[in-house]
Amino acid sequence: MRPEMERPRRRRAHRTDWMALLSGMIFIAAGVVLIDRPSVEPLIMLPAVLAGLGLAGLVAILARLIRR
């Protein structure tokens, strides 16, 4: 059969990995803050990053529950 006569294949859209997306955004934001304001204490940034990762995990869990 010639290629132009084949049926078009349906493309499967893959789902968004919310945990990876939000975690990457958190680490980028933390890097920007640390570059922009080097006087920020690591003891302040660590809880902020951990809280952000916890929130990202919660969003990922909720997104997975909603998909089902």
C-alpha atoms as a PDB file:
ATOM      1  CA  MET A   1       0.000   0.000   0.000  1.00  0.00           C
ATOM      2  CA  ARG A   2       1.308   3.454  -0.835  1.00  0.00           C
ATOM      3  CA  PRO A   3       2.036   5.885   2.036  1.00  0.00           C
ATOM      4  CA  GLU A   4      -0.511   8.450   0.847  1.00  0.00           C
ATOM      5  CA  MET A   5      -3.253   5.825   0.986  1.00  0.00           C
ATOM      6  CA  GLU A   6      -2.593   4.780   4.573  1.00  0.00           C
ATOM      7  CA  ARG A   7      -4.996   5.867   7.247  1.00  0.00           C
ATOM      8  CA  PRO A   8      -3.712   8.715   9.405  1.00  0.00           C
ATOM      9  CA  ARG A   9      -2.542   7.577  12.812  1.00  0.00           C
ATOM     10  CA  ARG A  10      -4.060   9.172  15.856  1.00  0.00           C
ATOM     11  CA  ARG A  11      -1.486  10.911  17.986  1.00  0.00           C
ATOM     12  CA  ARG A  12      -1.756  10.226  21.665  1.00  0.00           C
ATOM     13  CA  ALA A  13      -1.261  13.303  23.760  1.00  0.00           C
ATOM     14  CA  HIS A  14       0.756  12.548  26.847  1.00  0.00           C
ATOM     15  CA  ARG A  15      -0.344  13.819  30.211  1.00  0.00           C
ATOM     16  CA  THR A  16       1.333  16.660  32.033  1.00  0.00           C
ATOM     17  CA  ASP A  17       3.625  15.579  34.855  1.00  0.00           C
ATOM     18  CA  TRP A  18       2.610  18.236  37.365  1.00  0.00           C
ATOM     19  CA  MET A  19       5.146  17.204  39.997  1.00  0.00           C
ATOM     20  CA  ALA A  20       8.066  17.584  37.607  1.00  0.00           C
ATOM     21  CA  LEU A  21       6.759  20.820  36.122  1.00  0.00           C
ATOM     22  CA  LEU A  22       6.119  22.521  39.461  1.00  0.00           C
ATOM     23  CA  SER A  23       9.350  21.226  41.010  1.00  0.00           C
ATOM     24  CA  GLY A  24      11.342  22.637  38.125  1.00  0.00           C
ATOM     25  CA  MET A  25       9.605  25.983  38.463  1.00  0.00           C
ATOM     26  CA  ILE A  26      10.332  26.045  42.211  1.00  0.00           C
ATOM     27  CA  PHE A  27      14.030  25.348  41.710  1.00  0.00           C
ATOM     28  CA  ILE A  28      14.274  27.964  38.965  1.00  0.00           C
ATOM     29  CA  ALA A  29      12.581  30.518  41.223  1.00  0.00           C
ATOM     30  CA  ALA A  30      14.888  29.617  44.126  1.00  0.00           C
ATOM     31  CA  GLY A  31      17.911  30.004  41.861  1.00  0.00           C
ATOM     32  CA  VAL A  32      16.729  33.394  40.624  1.00  0.00           C
ATOM     33  CA  VAL A  33      16.163  34.583  44.200  1.00  0.00           C
ATOM     34  CA  LEU A  34      19.592  33.396  45.315  1.00  0.00           C
ATOM     35  CA  ILE A  35      21.282  35.072  42.327  1.00  0.00           C
ATOM     36  CA  ASP A  36      19.302  38.282  42.700  1.00  0.00           C
ATOM     37  CA  ARG A  37      19.622  38.549  46.475  1.00  0.00           C
ATOM     38  CA  PRO A  38      22.722  36.697  47.705  1.00  0.00           C
ATOM     39  CA  SER A  39      22.028  37.932  51.236  1.00  0.00           C
ATOM     40  CA  VAL A  40      19.061  35.544  51.608  1.00  0.00           C
ATOM     41  CA  GLU A  41      19.857  32.984  54.280  1.00  0.00           C
ATOM     42  CA  PRO A  42      19.781  29.294  53.301  1.00  0.00           C
ATOM     43  CA  LEU A  43      17.798  28.627  56.486  1.00  0.00           C
ATOM     44  CA  ILE A  44      15.025  30.777  55.030  1.00  0.00           C
ATOM     45  CA  MET A  45      15.181  29.282  51.540  1.00  0.00           C
ATOM     46  CA  LEU A  46      15.197  25.639  52.640  1.00  0.00           C
ATOM     47  CA  PRO A  47      11.737  25.676  54.281  1.00  0.00           C
ATOM     48  CA  ALA A  48      10.360  27.711  51.377  1.00  0.00           C
ATOM     49  CA  VAL A  49      11.634  25.164  48.834  1.00  0.00           C
ATOM     50  CA  LEU A  50      10.395  22.228  50.926  1.00  0.00           C
ATOM     51  CA  ALA A  51       6.971  23.834  51.326  1.00  0.00           C
ATOM     52  CA  GLY A  52       6.848  24.420  47.573  1.00  0.00           C
ATOM     53  CA  LEU A  53       7.746  20.794  46.892  1.00  0.00           C
ATOM     54  CA  GLY A  54       5.043  19.685  49.303  1.00  0.00           C
ATOM     55  CA  LEU A  55       2.530  21.864  47.491  1.00  0.00           C
ATOM     56  CA  ALA A  56       3.702  20.473  44.146  1.00  0.00           C
ATOM     57  CA  GLY A  57       3.195  16.953  45.471  1.00  0.00           C
ATOM     58  CA  LEU A  58      -0.307  17.813  46.637  1.00  0.00           C
ATOM     59  CA  VAL A  59      -1.180  19.268  43.226  1.00  0.00           C
ATOM     60  CA  ALA A  60       0.208  16.140  41.515  1.00  0.00           C
ATOM     61  CA  ILE A  61      -1.890  13.874  43.742  1.00  0.00           C
ATOM     62  CA  LEU A  62      -5.037  15.924  43.151  1.00  0.00           C
ATOM     63  CA  ALA A  63      -4.436  15.971  39.386  1.00  0.00           C
ATOM     64  CA  ARG A  64      -4.060  12.192  39.366  1.00  0.00           C
ATOM     65  CA  LEU A  65      -7.285  11.747  41.340  1.00  0.00           C
ATOM     66  CA  ILE A  66      -9.185  14.075  39.018  1.00  0.00           C
ATOM     67  CA  ARG A  67      -7.943  12.240  35.904  1.00  0.00           C
ATOM     68  CA  ARG A  68      -9.378   8.926  37.058  1.00  0.00           C
END
